[in-house]
Amino acid sequence: MKKYEELIEQIRRQIQNEIWQTGEKLPSLRKQAEMSGVSLMTVVHAYQVLESQGWIVSRARSGYVVTPKIENCDSTPSNEPVQKTESVDINDFVFEVLQASRTPNITDFGKVYPDPTLYPRQHVNKSLISTARTLSASSAMDNLPPGNLELRQHIAKRYAAQGLAVHPDEIVITTGALEALNLSLQSVTQPGDWVVVESPTFYGALQSLQRLSLRALSIRTHPTDGIDLESLEDALQSHQVKACWLMTNHQNPLGFTLSLEKKKRLMALLSKYDVYLIEDDVYNELYFGSEKPLPAKAFDNHGKALHCSSFSKSLVAGFRIGWVAAGKMAVTIQKLQMMSTLSASAPIQMTLASYLSTRNYERHLRQLRRTLEQRKFATWQELRNHLPAQVNINCTDGGYFLWLELPRGFDATELYRRALKENICITPGKMFSAGDFHNHCFRLNVSFELSDLRLRAIRTLGELIRSMLATRS
């Protein structure tokens, strides 16, 4: 059981045993974190779940209080369990939103990468300069697929630190995680095949399905608990699914991390139906607690999990270096890579291998996680202060995204267009769905420092939302 789940159970029992009375104020977020020995974001996550279940309610600027006794406190997602899409058509809209985020002088909450000032540029540049001095005429050939051996060995050691036995020969270095994911998907599917994705899911997965002419089965996914495994099994029983593209840690856009028990059940289910898992795990280093979450691949006993990640979210985005721990599919993926990009950049592979040979990466990650947690909490507080009460803010203890949900029927795409006129960019929920299932939601990147400009942008978003809600009533 995760720490936030333990805290939820503890507070629930206290309320049931009338330690906390109806209308009584709970300890503040900081006080609860102190008392329980957990992070602030863990308390935020726990209080948020308790609020969604009806146990407590937030009062503006005064904290959380216990609500009257309730009979049913289970929160269930409202979208359909399984949504079928014969032909995915998302790329034009994704392109429009990403281009809009490049507008000069815009306050951008829509970026997919964290604040670039958080990257350790000085140390990485030092490794880059050192690599440039030692490049030989054969460097390009030495770093062809599966990629730089020293870099693959460093990655294999990071798996080993979590108890996973991944041989360097199973790892293929790619141009970013997206190439790893695309090649993995291509290696196990043919045009017209059914592929499972979460609902909502990362828009890159939908773009890949569109490019490869694959059909989507979008499975209901809870903001806290993750993918609905019962709905997933229904889909596997009724359709000849070839692969599942899922995020098990700090999912984009919702932010949840699947429990270990759920990861075990997921892998058992995919093994039962002979389905590959394309595991998108690019945020795995951005956890806020003391323990790095295991990937679902840790519970793969039948070679069905292709684990994809990168250094783009945790170290430096511009280098575009990712990988896939592909197991028995490694050679197939190498062949596909050589027909497309040929290989990832040889100098950049060598630079990262050099950088990872130092202790700088672990020091950087510790600081990065602390900063992201502080900024996420600070932005969550500002949003709670300035957005209407009808806005549900899903805040989890990892990553750097917040998922905001408004009443169904609210048009977050229209909010996106109105915000653009105010030089503010958000990511509308339509980007994360093969249909309009999440058009009442939007995602915010909260990795940036809360400057005066960003504070004003949050207030403006609150005003825009209030105005749009008023026209619906």
Protein backbone atom coordinates (compact mmCIF):
# COMPACT_ATOMS: atom_id res chain seq x y z
CA MET A 1 0.00 0.00 0.00
CA LYS A 2 1.31 3.45 -0.92
CA LYS A 3 1.86 6.11 1.75
CA TYR A 4 -1.05 8.27 0.60
CA GLU A 5 -3.34 5.20 0.70
CA GLU A 6 -2.18 4.42 4.25
CA LEU A 7 -2.94 8.01 5.26
CA ILE A 8 -6.39 7.83 3.64
CA GLU A 9 -7.22 4.66 5.59
CA GLN A 10 -5.92 6.18 8.81
CA ILE A 11 -8.03 9.36 8.50
CA ARG A 12 -11.07 7.36 7.35
CA ARG A 13 -10.89 5.18 10.47
CA GLN A 14 -10.45 8.25 12.66
CA ILE A 15 -13.58 9.83 11.17
CA GLN A 16 -15.55 6.57 11.53
CA ASN A 17 -14.44 6.29 15.17
CA GLU A 18 -15.51 9.93 15.70
CA ILE A 19 -12.04 11.11 16.62
CA TRP A 20 -12.77 13.84 14.10
CA GLN A 21 -16.33 15.13 14.42
CA THR A 22 -18.59 16.46 11.66
CA GLY A 23 -17.61 20.07 10.90
CA GLU A 24 -14.30 19.76 12.74
CA LYS A 25 -11.20 21.06 10.99
CA LEU A 26 -8.49 18.51 10.12
CA PRO A 27 -4.80 19.31 10.70
CA SER A 28 -3.36 21.62 8.06
CA LEU A 29 -1.43 20.07 5.18
CA ARG A 30 1.91 20.96 6.72
CA LYS A 31 0.89 19.79 10.21
CA GLN A 32 -0.43 16.47 8.85
CA ALA A 33 2.80 15.95 6.90
CA GLU A 34 4.77 16.59 10.08
CA MET A 35 2.62 14.25 12.19
CA SER A 36 2.57 11.44 9.62
CA GLY A 37 6.17 11.69 8.45
CA VAL A 38 5.21 12.02 4.79
CA SER A 39 5.69 14.68 2.11
CA LEU A 40 3.34 17.62 1.61
CA MET A 41 2.27 16.25 -1.78
CA THR A 42 1.38 12.90 -0.20
CA VAL A 43 -0.97 14.74 2.20
CA VAL A 44 -2.41 16.81 -0.67
CA HIS A 45 -3.06 13.60 -2.61
CA ALA A 46 -4.69 11.88 0.41
CA TYR A 47 -6.91 14.87 1.30
CA GLN A 48 -7.90 15.23 -2.33
CA VAL A 49 -9.02 11.59 -2.54
CA LEU A 50 -10.92 11.87 0.76
CA GLU A 51 -12.64 14.99 -0.58
CA SER A 52 -13.58 13.26 -3.86
CA GLN A 53 -15.05 10.41 -1.80
CA GLY A 54 -17.10 12.76 0.35
CA TRP A 55 -15.34 12.31 3.69
CA ILE A 56 -14.01 15.87 3.94
CA VAL A 57 -14.55 19.19 2.20
CA SER A 58 -12.25 22.12 1.53
CA ARG A 59 -13.26 25.54 2.85
CA ALA A 60 -11.66 28.52 1.13
CA ARG A 61 -8.59 29.73 3.02
CA SER A 62 -9.52 27.75 6.14
CA GLY A 63 -8.53 24.17 5.31
CA TYR A 64 -10.41 20.88 5.32
CA VAL A 65 -13.33 19.92 7.55
CA VAL A 66 -15.18 16.64 8.12
CA THR A 67 -18.48 16.31 6.24
CA PRO A 68 -21.65 14.68 7.63
CA LYS A 69 -21.73 10.86 7.62
CA ILE A 70 -22.08 9.36 4.15
CA GLU A 71 -23.34 5.97 3.05
CA ASN A 72 -21.35 5.53 -0.14
CA CYS A 73 -17.94 7.11 -0.42
CA ASP A 74 -16.58 5.34 -3.49
CA SER A 75 -15.48 7.56 -6.34
CA THR A 76 -15.98 6.05 -9.80
CA PRO A 77 -14.98 7.46 -13.16
CA SER A 78 -17.89 8.64 -15.29
CA ASN A 79 -16.66 7.83 -18.79
CA GLU A 80 -17.53 4.62 -20.67
CA PRO A 81 -15.50 1.49 -19.67
CA VAL A 82 -14.26 0.82 -23.23
CA GLN A 83 -14.34 3.24 -26.16
CA LYS A 84 -13.66 1.90 -29.65
CA THR A 85 -12.06 4.08 -32.33
CA GLU A 86 -11.66 2.51 -35.76
CA SER A 87 -9.60 5.40 -37.15
CA VAL A 88 -7.64 7.75 -34.88
CA ASP A 89 -7.48 11.35 -36.15
CA ILE A 90 -5.72 13.57 -33.62
CA ASN A 91 -2.52 14.87 -35.23
CA ASP A 92 -3.91 18.11 -36.73
CA PHE A 93 -5.27 19.28 -33.37
CA VAL A 94 -2.07 18.29 -31.53
CA PHE A 95 -0.03 20.20 -34.11
CA GLU A 96 -2.24 23.28 -33.67
CA VAL A 97 -1.84 23.34 -29.88
CA LEU A 98 1.91 22.71 -29.93
CA GLN A 99 2.43 25.46 -32.50
CA ALA A 100 0.35 27.89 -30.43
CA SER A 101 2.63 27.29 -27.43
CA ARG A 102 5.52 28.77 -29.46
CA THR A 103 3.84 32.19 -29.69
CA PRO A 104 6.24 34.92 -28.45
CA ASN A 105 5.63 36.32 -24.94
CA ILE A 106 3.11 33.62 -24.06
CA THR A 107 2.72 32.28 -20.52
CA ASP A 108 2.96 28.62 -21.33
CA PHE A 109 1.37 26.01 -19.03
CA GLY A 110 1.18 23.59 -21.95
CA LYS A 111 4.78 22.46 -22.33
CA VAL A 112 5.53 18.75 -22.15
CA TYR A 113 9.08 19.25 -20.79
CA PRO A 114 9.97 20.63 -17.35
CA ASP A 115 11.52 24.05 -16.83
CA PRO A 116 14.86 23.86 -18.73
CA THR A 117 16.61 25.95 -16.05
CA LEU A 118 16.33 22.87 -13.81
CA TYR A 119 18.73 20.90 -16.02
CA PRO A 120 22.41 20.63 -14.93
CA ARG A 121 23.73 22.37 -18.02
CA GLN A 122 27.20 23.13 -16.65
CA HIS A 123 28.01 19.50 -15.82
CA VAL A 124 26.46 18.12 -18.99
CA ASN A 125 28.28 20.67 -21.14
CA LYS A 126 31.54 19.69 -19.45
CA SER A 127 30.94 16.07 -20.51
CA LEU A 128 29.99 17.25 -24.02
CA ILE A 129 33.26 19.20 -24.40
CA SER A 130 35.27 16.25 -23.12
CA THR A 131 33.53 13.93 -25.59
CA ALA A 132 34.15 16.30 -28.50
CA ARG A 133 37.89 16.12 -27.82
CA THR A 134 37.95 12.33 -27.96
CA LEU A 135 35.68 11.68 -30.98
CA SER A 136 37.28 9.35 -33.48
CA ALA A 137 36.56 8.62 -37.14
CA SER A 138 34.89 5.36 -36.12
CA SER A 139 32.61 6.88 -33.43
CA ALA A 140 29.51 6.87 -35.64
CA MET A 141 29.93 3.19 -36.51
CA ASP A 142 30.71 2.25 -32.90
CA ASN A 143 27.39 3.74 -31.77
CA LEU A 144 25.04 2.20 -34.33
CA PRO A 145 22.12 0.08 -33.01
CA PRO A 146 21.81 -1.15 -30.35
CA GLY A 147 23.79 1.93 -29.30
CA ASN A 148 26.77 2.96 -27.19
CA LEU A 149 27.82 0.00 -25.03
CA GLU A 150 28.95 2.08 -22.05
CA LEU A 151 25.63 3.96 -22.02
CA ARG A 152 23.67 0.69 -22.19
CA GLN A 153 25.73 -0.66 -19.30
CA HIS A 154 24.92 2.42 -17.18
CA ILE A 155 21.21 1.97 -17.93
CA ALA A 156 21.41 -1.76 -17.09
CA LYS A 157 22.98 -0.86 -13.73
CA ARG A 158 20.09 1.51 -12.97
CA TYR A 159 17.68 -1.37 -13.62
CA ALA A 160 19.81 -3.62 -11.38
CA ALA A 161 19.58 -1.07 -8.56
CA GLN A 162 15.83 -1.77 -8.54
CA GLY A 163 16.29 -5.51 -8.67
CA LEU A 164 15.62 -5.93 -12.41
CA ALA A 165 17.96 -8.17 -14.42
CA VAL A 166 18.20 -6.42 -17.79
CA HIS A 167 21.23 -7.34 -19.91
CA PRO A 168 22.83 -4.45 -21.87
CA ASP A 169 22.20 -6.44 -25.08
CA GLU A 170 18.44 -6.18 -24.44
CA ILE A 171 18.64 -2.37 -24.48
CA VAL A 172 18.34 -0.35 -27.69
CA ILE A 173 19.29 3.35 -27.58
CA THR A 174 16.86 5.55 -29.52
CA THR A 175 16.29 9.17 -30.50
CA GLY A 176 14.14 9.99 -27.49
CA ALA A 177 11.52 7.85 -25.79
CA LEU A 178 8.97 8.49 -28.52
CA GLU A 179 11.10 6.62 -31.06
CA ALA A 180 11.49 3.77 -28.57
CA LEU A 181 7.72 3.64 -28.11
CA ASN A 182 6.97 3.89 -31.83
CA LEU A 183 9.46 1.19 -32.78
CA SER A 184 8.19 -1.07 -30.00
CA LEU A 185 4.61 -0.66 -31.16
CA GLN A 186 5.56 -1.21 -34.80
CA SER A 187 7.48 -4.38 -33.90
CA VAL A 188 4.42 -6.16 -32.46
CA THR A 189 1.53 -4.87 -34.65
CA GLN A 190 0.29 -4.67 -38.21
CA PRO A 191 -2.02 -1.98 -39.71
CA GLY A 192 -5.60 -2.56 -38.58
CA ASP A 193 -4.67 -4.23 -35.27
CA TRP A 194 -6.37 -3.24 -32.01
CA VAL A 195 -4.21 -1.47 -29.43
CA VAL A 196 -5.28 -0.59 -25.88
CA VAL A 197 -4.60 2.88 -24.49
CA GLU A 198 -5.72 4.64 -21.32
CA SER A 199 -8.56 7.15 -21.32
CA PRO A 200 -7.21 9.81 -21.11
CA THR A 201 -3.81 8.95 -22.58
CA PHE A 202 -0.65 10.71 -23.74
CA TYR A 203 -1.39 12.27 -27.14
CA GLY A 204 1.85 10.81 -28.56
CA ALA A 205 0.28 7.36 -28.25
CA LEU A 206 -2.71 8.49 -30.31
CA GLN A 207 -0.44 10.04 -32.94
CA SER A 208 1.45 6.74 -33.20
CA LEU A 209 -1.79 4.80 -33.69
CA GLN A 210 -2.81 7.24 -36.42
CA ARG A 211 0.56 6.99 -38.19
CA LEU A 212 0.59 3.18 -38.10
CA SER A 213 -3.12 2.84 -39.07
CA LEU A 214 -3.97 1.03 -35.83
CA ARG A 215 -7.34 0.91 -34.08
CA ALA A 216 -7.76 2.15 -30.51
CA LEU A 217 -9.51 0.65 -27.51
CA SER A 218 -9.54 3.40 -24.87
CA ILE A 219 -10.00 1.94 -21.38
CA ARG A 220 -11.58 3.88 -18.54
CA THR A 221 -8.82 5.21 -16.27
CA HIS A 222 -9.28 6.63 -12.77
CA PRO A 223 -7.30 9.77 -11.80
CA THR A 224 -6.02 8.08 -8.63
CA ASP A 225 -6.27 4.31 -9.15
CA GLY A 226 -5.30 4.14 -12.82
CA ILE A 227 -6.58 1.85 -15.54
CA ASP A 228 -9.71 -0.20 -14.81
CA LEU A 229 -8.43 -3.79 -15.06
CA GLU A 230 -11.94 -5.28 -15.24
CA SER A 231 -12.72 -3.11 -18.27
CA LEU A 232 -9.34 -4.01 -19.73
CA GLU A 233 -10.10 -7.73 -19.43
CA ASP A 234 -13.49 -7.20 -21.11
CA ALA A 235 -11.66 -5.56 -24.02
CA LEU A 236 -9.10 -8.37 -24.21
CA GLN A 237 -11.89 -10.96 -24.27
CA SER A 238 -13.92 -9.24 -26.99
CA HIS A 239 -11.12 -8.02 -29.30
CA GLN A 240 -7.92 -9.49 -30.66
CA VAL A 241 -5.64 -6.96 -28.99
CA LYS A 242 -1.97 -7.05 -29.97
CA ALA A 243 -0.52 -4.48 -27.56
CA CYS A 244 -1.25 -2.09 -24.69
CA TRP A 245 0.49 1.29 -24.60
CA LEU A 246 0.31 2.31 -20.92
CA MET A 247 2.00 4.60 -18.41
CA THR A 248 2.31 2.93 -15.03
CA ASN A 249 4.26 5.66 -13.17
CA HIS A 250 3.22 9.35 -12.95
CA GLN A 251 0.91 8.96 -15.93
CA ASN A 252 0.57 11.86 -18.36
CA PRO A 253 -1.90 13.60 -18.07
CA LEU A 254 -3.53 12.27 -14.85
CA GLY A 255 -0.41 11.77 -12.74
CA PHE A 256 -1.28 8.50 -10.95
CA THR A 257 1.17 5.67 -10.25
CA LEU A 258 -0.24 2.14 -10.31
CA SER A 259 0.15 0.19 -7.07
CA LEU A 260 2.53 -2.78 -7.06
CA GLU A 261 -0.43 -5.11 -6.71
CA LYS A 262 -2.10 -3.59 -9.75
CA LYS A 263 1.11 -3.85 -11.79
CA LYS A 264 1.30 -7.55 -10.91
CA ARG A 265 -2.33 -8.07 -11.92
CA LEU A 266 -1.78 -6.14 -15.14
CA MET A 267 1.15 -8.30 -16.22
CA ALA A 268 -0.70 -11.50 -15.29
CA LEU A 269 -3.65 -10.36 -17.40
CA LEU A 270 -1.53 -9.51 -20.44
CA SER A 271 0.30 -12.83 -20.15
CA LYS A 272 -3.04 -14.68 -20.00
CA TYR A 273 -4.22 -13.10 -23.28
CA ASP A 274 -0.76 -13.08 -24.93
CA VAL A 275 -0.63 -9.29 -25.31
CA TYR A 276 2.49 -7.09 -25.32
CA LEU A 277 2.89 -4.15 -22.95
CA ILE A 278 4.52 -1.04 -24.42
CA GLU A 279 5.41 0.61 -21.11
CA ASP A 280 5.93 4.38 -21.37
CA ASP A 281 7.94 5.22 -18.24
CA VAL A 282 9.57 8.57 -18.98
CA TYR A 283 8.68 10.15 -15.60
CA ASN A 284 9.99 7.32 -13.40
CA GLU A 285 12.79 9.43 -11.87
CA LEU A 286 10.40 12.22 -10.84
CA TYR A 287 8.93 10.64 -7.70
CA PHE A 288 8.52 12.68 -4.51
CA GLY A 289 8.86 10.01 -1.83
CA SER A 290 11.90 8.03 -0.76
CA GLU A 291 11.45 5.09 -3.09
CA LYS A 292 11.58 4.93 -6.88
CA PRO A 293 8.48 3.14 -8.22
CA LEU A 294 9.04 -0.16 -10.00
CA PRO A 295 7.92 -0.51 -13.61
CA ALA A 296 5.34 -3.16 -14.54
CA LYS A 297 8.23 -4.87 -16.35
CA ALA A 298 9.46 -5.98 -12.91
CA PHE A 299 6.53 -8.44 -12.86
CA ASP A 300 6.94 -9.70 -16.44
CA ASN A 301 7.69 -13.41 -16.41
CA HIS A 302 6.95 -14.10 -20.07
CA GLY A 303 8.89 -11.44 -22.03
CA LYS A 304 5.78 -9.39 -22.80
CA ALA A 305 6.90 -5.98 -21.48
CA LEU A 306 8.91 -3.55 -23.62
CA HIS A 307 10.03 -0.87 -21.19
CA CYS A 308 10.66 2.57 -22.74
CA SER A 309 12.19 5.61 -21.08
CA SER A 310 14.56 8.52 -21.70
CA PHE A 311 16.72 11.22 -20.15
CA SER A 312 14.61 14.01 -21.69
CA LYS A 313 12.40 14.70 -18.63
CA SER A 314 15.02 14.15 -15.95
CA LEU A 315 18.30 15.43 -17.42
CA VAL A 316 18.17 17.40 -20.67
CA ALA A 317 15.43 17.56 -23.29
CA GLY A 318 17.46 18.69 -26.29
CA PHE A 319 19.73 15.64 -26.37
CA ARG A 320 16.80 13.40 -27.38
CA ILE A 321 18.23 10.15 -26.00
CA GLY A 322 15.87 7.36 -24.99
CA TRP A 323 15.89 3.59 -24.89
CA VAL A 324 13.79 0.47 -24.84
CA ALA A 325 14.55 -2.59 -22.72
CA ALA A 326 13.12 -4.86 -25.37
CA GLY A 327 14.18 -8.37 -24.32
CA LYS A 328 13.70 -10.86 -27.17
CA MET A 329 12.37 -8.05 -29.42
CA ALA A 330 15.68 -6.12 -29.30
CA VAL A 331 17.00 -7.34 -32.68
CA THR A 332 13.66 -6.69 -34.43
CA ILE A 333 13.63 -3.13 -33.06
CA GLN A 334 17.24 -2.55 -34.16
CA LYS A 335 16.33 -3.57 -37.71
CA LEU A 336 13.35 -1.21 -37.75
CA GLN A 337 15.50 1.61 -36.38
CA MET A 338 18.10 1.16 -39.11
CA MET A 339 15.35 1.62 -41.72
CA SER A 340 14.20 4.90 -40.16
CA THR A 341 16.57 7.12 -38.14
CA LEU A 342 19.53 4.70 -38.41
CA SER A 343 20.72 5.53 -34.89
CA ALA A 344 20.69 8.10 -32.10
CA SER A 345 23.43 10.76 -32.21
CA ALA A 346 26.82 9.18 -31.51
CA PRO A 347 28.37 12.25 -29.76
CA ILE A 348 25.31 12.67 -27.52
CA GLN A 349 25.30 8.98 -26.57
CA MET A 350 28.96 9.26 -25.64
CA THR A 351 28.34 12.48 -23.68
CA LEU A 352 25.63 10.85 -21.57
CA ALA A 353 27.81 7.79 -20.96
CA SER A 354 30.54 10.13 -19.70
CA TYR A 355 28.12 12.13 -17.51
CA LEU A 356 26.57 9.00 -15.97
CA SER A 357 30.02 7.76 -14.94
CA THR A 358 30.08 10.60 -12.34
CA ARG A 359 27.92 11.07 -9.22
CA ASN A 360 26.43 14.25 -10.62
CA TYR A 361 23.24 12.60 -11.92
CA GLU A 362 22.03 11.39 -8.50
CA ARG A 363 22.76 14.76 -6.89
CA HIS A 364 20.89 16.49 -9.72
CA LEU A 365 17.89 14.15 -9.41
CA ARG A 366 17.54 14.77 -5.66
CA GLN A 367 17.49 18.54 -6.21
CA LEU A 368 15.17 18.24 -9.22
CA ARG A 369 12.63 16.19 -7.26
CA ARG A 370 12.67 18.65 -4.33
CA THR A 371 12.13 21.62 -6.63
CA LEU A 372 9.34 19.98 -8.63
CA GLU A 373 7.52 19.02 -5.44
CA GLN A 374 7.77 22.55 -4.04
CA ARG A 375 6.58 24.14 -7.29
CA LYS A 376 3.74 21.66 -7.74
CA PHE A 377 2.47 22.30 -4.22
CA ALA A 378 2.79 26.10 -4.58
CA THR A 379 0.91 26.13 -7.90
CA TRP A 380 -1.79 23.81 -6.52
CA GLN A 381 -2.33 26.24 -3.64
CA GLU A 382 -2.65 29.22 -6.00
CA LEU A 383 -5.09 27.35 -8.23
CA ARG A 384 -7.21 26.41 -5.19
CA ASN A 385 -7.28 30.08 -4.19
CA HIS A 386 -8.21 31.51 -7.59
CA LEU A 387 -10.21 28.88 -9.52
CA PRO A 388 -13.93 28.26 -8.92
CA ALA A 389 -14.93 25.46 -6.54
CA GLN A 390 -16.38 23.50 -9.50
CA VAL A 391 -12.84 22.83 -10.75
CA ASN A 392 -11.47 19.53 -9.46
CA ILE A 393 -7.65 19.61 -9.38
CA ASN A 394 -6.05 16.17 -9.51
CA CYS A 395 -2.72 16.48 -7.70
CA THR A 396 -0.42 13.49 -7.21
CA ASP A 397 2.93 12.97 -5.50
CA GLY A 398 5.18 12.83 -8.55
CA GLY A 399 5.81 14.40 -11.96
CA TYR A 400 5.00 17.99 -12.84
CA PHE A 401 1.49 18.01 -14.29
CA LEU A 402 -1.89 18.88 -12.79
CA TRP A 403 -5.10 17.56 -14.38
CA LEU A 404 -8.10 19.85 -13.94
CA GLU A 405 -11.66 18.66 -14.44
CA LEU A 406 -14.75 20.85 -14.82
CA PRO A 407 -18.41 19.81 -14.97
CA ARG A 408 -19.26 17.67 -18.02
CA GLY A 409 -20.41 19.83 -20.89
CA PHE A 410 -17.82 22.52 -20.15
CA ASP A 411 -15.77 23.22 -23.29
CA ALA A 412 -12.08 23.26 -22.31
CA THR A 413 -11.11 23.67 -25.97
CA GLU A 414 -13.00 26.97 -25.98
CA LEU A 415 -11.23 27.88 -22.72
CA TYR A 416 -7.92 27.12 -24.45
CA ARG A 417 -8.82 29.49 -27.33
CA ARG A 418 -9.95 32.27 -24.98
CA ALA A 419 -6.80 31.86 -22.87
CA LEU A 420 -4.64 32.16 -26.00
CA LYS A 421 -6.15 35.60 -26.62
CA GLU A 422 -4.83 36.53 -23.16
CA ASN A 423 -1.38 35.13 -24.08
CA ILE A 424 -1.86 32.03 -21.89
CA CYS A 425 -1.43 28.50 -23.20
CA ILE A 426 -2.98 25.42 -21.57
CA THR A 427 -3.34 21.87 -22.90
CA PRO A 428 -7.02 21.03 -23.53
CA GLY A 429 -8.31 17.57 -22.66
CA LYS A 430 -9.29 16.91 -26.26
CA MET A 431 -5.59 16.24 -26.97
CA PHE A 432 -5.63 13.19 -24.71
CA SER A 433 -8.54 11.31 -26.22
CA ALA A 434 -9.47 9.64 -29.49
CA GLY A 435 -12.88 11.33 -29.14
CA ASP A 436 -14.34 14.18 -27.08
CA PHE A 437 -14.46 12.15 -23.86
CA HIS A 438 -12.29 14.61 -21.90
CA ASN A 439 -13.17 17.92 -23.50
CA HIS A 440 -14.23 19.26 -20.06
CA CYS A 441 -10.65 18.84 -18.74
CA PHE A 442 -7.25 20.43 -19.24
CA ARG A 443 -3.64 19.86 -18.17
CA LEU A 444 -1.14 22.31 -16.68
CA ASN A 445 2.66 22.07 -16.52
CA VAL A 446 3.61 23.32 -13.04
CA SER A 447 7.39 22.84 -13.16
CA PHE A 448 8.09 26.55 -13.63
CA GLU A 449 8.66 29.02 -10.80
CA LEU A 450 5.57 31.04 -9.86
CA SER A 451 6.59 34.39 -11.31
CA ASP A 452 4.28 37.42 -11.19
CA LEU A 453 3.40 36.65 -14.81
CA ARG A 454 2.30 33.12 -13.95
CA LEU A 455 0.35 34.29 -10.91
CA ARG A 456 -1.53 36.78 -13.09
CA ALA A 457 -2.16 34.02 -15.64
CA ILE A 458 -3.72 31.80 -12.94
CA ARG A 459 -6.02 34.63 -11.87
CA THR A 460 -6.98 35.21 -15.50
CA LEU A 461 -7.77 31.52 -15.99
CA GLY A 462 -10.02 31.70 -12.94
CA GLU A 463 -11.88 34.68 -14.40
CA LEU A 464 -12.29 32.99 -17.79
CA ILE A 465 -13.64 29.82 -16.21
CA ARG A 466 -16.11 31.75 -14.01
CA SER A 467 -17.34 33.64 -17.06
CA MET A 468 -17.86 30.44 -19.06
CA LEU A 469 -19.57 28.66 -16.15
CA ALA A 470 -21.92 31.64 -15.70
CA THR A 471 -23.11 31.39 -19.32
CA ARG A 472 -23.99 27.70 -18.79
CA SER A 473 -26.22 28.29 -15.74
